């Protein structure tokens, strides 16, 4: 069974972006480059919600097109624009689609950004790991890492370490 990891960079107060989708607070260092390079070797699939994909595509990255054997799936029931080659639009039930995807052979699966898609996959019990590069900044508002949940999700710490810029890399396994 393939592993789904939800993660990325966030502020200490739990936001993926600041107000107005601001990302000027991100500290991109050689440490982060090494960590990302190692992670990208382990995955062959990216999952994104529509809002995350539109933001990434407008920024010129983040799975907006084909990239080194990585397939990107964008989940949306409202997206009208046709994604570029290498990006598949999924309008079916996200939980059922990801459950089937996990059962297929392949590398790990990256659930990138987007607390709405992450919320639905946590609710369906499909997220296996949570990993974030926590930045030493309090944004006060923005896109939250997690939405309110009806269930408690237990986590087991796999790794934590300080990286450049005073950031903390924390990785957890979902228990149960």
Protein backbone atom coordinates (compact mmCIF):
# COMPACT_ATOMS: atom_id res chain seq x y z
CA UNK A 1 0.00 0.00 0.00
CA UNK A 2 1.39 3.38 -1.01
CA UNK A 3 1.92 6.12 1.57
CA UNK A 4 0.17 9.51 1.42
CA UNK A 5 2.03 12.39 3.08
CA UNK A 6 0.43 15.77 3.78
CA UNK A 7 2.88 18.56 4.28
CA UNK A 8 4.77 21.62 3.21
CA UNK A 9 5.76 24.84 4.91
CA UNK A 10 3.67 26.61 7.53
CA UNK A 11 3.86 29.40 10.06
CA UNK A 12 4.15 28.68 13.77
CA UNK A 13 0.49 29.69 14.16
CA UNK A 14 -0.60 27.12 11.57
CA UNK A 15 -1.05 28.88 8.23
CA UNK A 16 0.04 27.73 4.76
CA UNK A 17 -0.16 31.28 3.40
CA UNK A 18 -0.59 34.66 4.99
CA UNK A 19 -3.39 37.14 4.31
CA UNK A 20 -3.95 37.66 0.58
CA UNK A 21 -2.12 34.36 -0.13
CA UNK A 22 1.18 36.00 0.94
CA UNK A 23 4.18 33.68 0.85
CA UNK A 24 6.92 36.30 1.29
CA UNK A 25 7.62 34.88 4.76
CA UNK A 26 8.96 31.55 3.43
CA UNK A 27 12.64 30.87 4.13
CA UNK A 28 14.03 28.78 1.26
CA UNK A 29 17.50 27.55 2.23
CA UNK A 30 20.05 24.92 1.16
CA UNK A 31 18.63 22.71 3.96
CA UNK A 32 15.16 22.94 2.41
CA UNK A 33 16.56 22.26 -1.07
CA UNK A 34 18.24 19.05 0.18
CA UNK A 35 15.14 17.89 2.06
CA UNK A 36 12.92 18.53 -0.96
CA UNK A 37 15.33 16.81 -3.37
CA UNK A 38 15.30 13.68 -1.20
CA UNK A 39 11.51 13.77 -0.84
CA UNK A 40 10.88 14.19 -4.60
CA UNK A 41 12.90 11.00 -5.25
CA UNK A 42 10.36 9.03 -3.15
CA UNK A 43 7.17 10.22 -4.86
CA UNK A 44 5.55 9.75 -8.25
CA UNK A 45 2.17 11.35 -7.53
CA UNK A 46 0.96 14.76 -6.36
CA UNK A 47 -2.58 15.44 -5.12
CA UNK A 48 -3.90 19.01 -5.12
CA UNK A 49 -7.19 20.72 -4.60
CA UNK A 50 -8.37 23.24 -7.17
CA UNK A 51 -7.35 26.34 -5.20
CA UNK A 52 -3.84 25.04 -4.56
CA UNK A 53 -3.44 24.01 -8.19
CA UNK A 54 -4.64 27.38 -9.49
CA UNK A 55 -2.23 29.18 -7.14
CA UNK A 56 0.66 26.88 -8.11
CA UNK A 57 -0.08 27.15 -11.83
CA UNK A 58 -0.25 30.96 -11.62
CA UNK A 59 3.10 30.93 -9.77
CA UNK A 60 4.67 28.76 -12.48
CA UNK A 61 5.28 25.64 -10.42
CA UNK A 62 4.00 23.15 -7.89
CA UNK A 63 2.83 20.44 -10.23
CA UNK A 64 1.30 22.79 -12.77
CA UNK A 65 2.50 20.51 -15.57
CA UNK A 66 4.42 17.31 -16.28
CA UNK A 67 7.62 16.88 -14.32
CA UNK A 68 10.12 14.01 -14.13
CA UNK A 69 7.71 11.07 -14.02
CA UNK A 70 5.36 12.69 -11.52
CA UNK A 71 1.62 12.58 -12.16
CA UNK A 72 -0.47 15.41 -10.72
CA UNK A 73 -4.15 14.96 -9.86
CA UNK A 74 -6.28 18.05 -9.29
CA UNK A 75 -9.51 17.47 -7.36
CA UNK A 76 -12.39 19.76 -8.25
CA UNK A 77 -16.06 19.67 -9.07
CA UNK A 78 -16.03 23.27 -10.32
CA UNK A 79 -12.85 23.65 -12.41
CA UNK A 80 -13.73 24.51 -15.99
CA UNK A 81 -10.27 25.20 -17.42
CA UNK A 82 -8.62 22.13 -18.87
CA UNK A 83 -5.38 21.34 -17.01
CA UNK A 84 -2.18 20.99 -19.08
CA UNK A 85 -0.78 17.65 -20.22
CA UNK A 86 0.47 15.62 -17.26
CA UNK A 87 -2.22 16.97 -14.93
CA UNK A 88 -5.40 14.94 -14.50
CA UNK A 89 -8.66 16.45 -13.30
CA UNK A 90 -10.61 14.33 -10.80
CA UNK A 91 -14.21 15.28 -10.14
CA UNK A 92 -15.18 11.99 -8.49
CA UNK A 93 -15.17 11.33 -4.76
CA UNK A 94 -11.64 12.19 -3.56
CA UNK A 95 -11.65 9.49 -0.87
CA UNK A 96 -12.59 6.68 -3.25
CA UNK A 97 -10.13 7.86 -5.89
CA UNK A 98 -7.20 8.11 -3.46
CA UNK A 99 -8.09 4.77 -1.83
CA UNK A 100 -7.84 3.11 -5.27
CA UNK A 101 -4.66 5.03 -6.09
CA UNK A 102 -3.00 3.85 -2.86
CA UNK A 103 -3.73 0.23 -3.80
CA UNK A 104 -1.94 0.55 -7.16
CA UNK A 105 1.81 -0.05 -7.47
CA UNK A 106 3.98 3.03 -7.30
CA UNK A 107 6.00 5.35 -5.13
CA UNK A 108 4.75 7.57 -2.32
CA UNK A 109 1.99 10.15 -2.83
CA UNK A 110 2.36 13.84 -1.95
CA UNK A 111 -0.74 15.67 -0.74
CA UNK A 112 0.35 19.24 -1.45
CA UNK A 113 -1.09 22.20 0.37
CA UNK A 114 -4.80 22.74 0.46
CA UNK A 115 -6.43 22.18 3.83
CA UNK A 116 -9.81 21.40 2.22
CA UNK A 117 -8.57 18.36 0.27
CA UNK A 118 -6.41 17.31 3.21
CA UNK A 119 -9.43 17.53 5.51
CA UNK A 120 -11.48 15.20 3.29
CA UNK A 121 -8.62 12.68 3.06
CA UNK A 122 -8.01 12.76 6.84
CA UNK A 123 -11.74 12.19 7.38
CA UNK A 124 -11.53 9.17 5.05
CA UNK A 125 -8.50 7.78 6.93
CA UNK A 126 -6.20 8.01 3.89
CA UNK A 127 -3.32 10.18 5.15
CA UNK A 128 -0.37 8.20 6.51
CA UNK A 129 2.14 10.93 7.40
CA UNK A 130 2.16 14.62 8.22
CA UNK A 131 5.35 16.62 7.70
CA UNK A 132 5.88 20.36 7.95
CA UNK A 133 8.69 22.87 7.83
CA UNK A 134 7.49 25.18 10.60
CA UNK A 135 8.69 28.76 10.14
CA UNK A 136 9.36 31.12 13.06
CA UNK A 137 6.67 33.63 12.14
CA UNK A 138 3.14 34.34 13.38
CA UNK A 139 1.00 35.33 10.40
CA UNK A 140 -2.23 35.88 12.32
CA UNK A 141 -4.44 34.87 9.39
CA UNK A 142 -4.36 33.10 6.03
CA UNK A 143 -5.04 29.60 4.77
CA UNK A 144 -4.98 27.22 7.76
CA UNK A 145 -3.00 23.98 7.69
CA UNK A 146 -5.93 22.06 9.19
CA UNK A 147 -9.68 22.61 9.17
CA UNK A 148 -11.82 21.73 12.20
CA UNK A 149 -12.36 17.98 12.37
CA UNK A 150 -15.06 15.74 13.77
CA UNK A 151 -12.45 13.25 14.88
CA UNK A 152 -9.24 13.18 16.88
CA UNK A 153 -6.24 11.96 14.88
CA UNK A 154 -3.36 10.53 16.88
CA UNK A 155 0.17 11.07 15.62
CA UNK A 156 3.54 9.49 16.42
CA UNK A 157 6.68 11.62 16.02
CA UNK A 158 9.07 10.19 13.42
CA UNK A 159 11.50 13.10 13.11
CA UNK A 160 12.08 16.60 14.39
CA UNK A 161 15.07 18.84 13.84
CA UNK A 162 16.02 22.45 13.51
CA UNK A 163 16.99 23.57 10.03
CA UNK A 164 18.36 26.82 8.62
CA UNK A 165 16.52 30.02 9.46
CA UNK A 166 15.27 28.77 12.81
CA UNK A 167 12.73 26.52 11.10
CA UNK A 168 11.69 23.20 12.63
CA UNK A 169 11.14 20.16 10.43
CA UNK A 170 8.60 17.82 12.05
CA UNK A 171 7.32 14.56 10.62
CA UNK A 172 4.60 12.40 12.17
CA UNK A 173 3.04 9.04 11.35
CA UNK A 174 -0.75 8.85 11.58
CA UNK A 175 -1.59 6.23 14.21
CA UNK A 176 -4.47 3.85 13.59
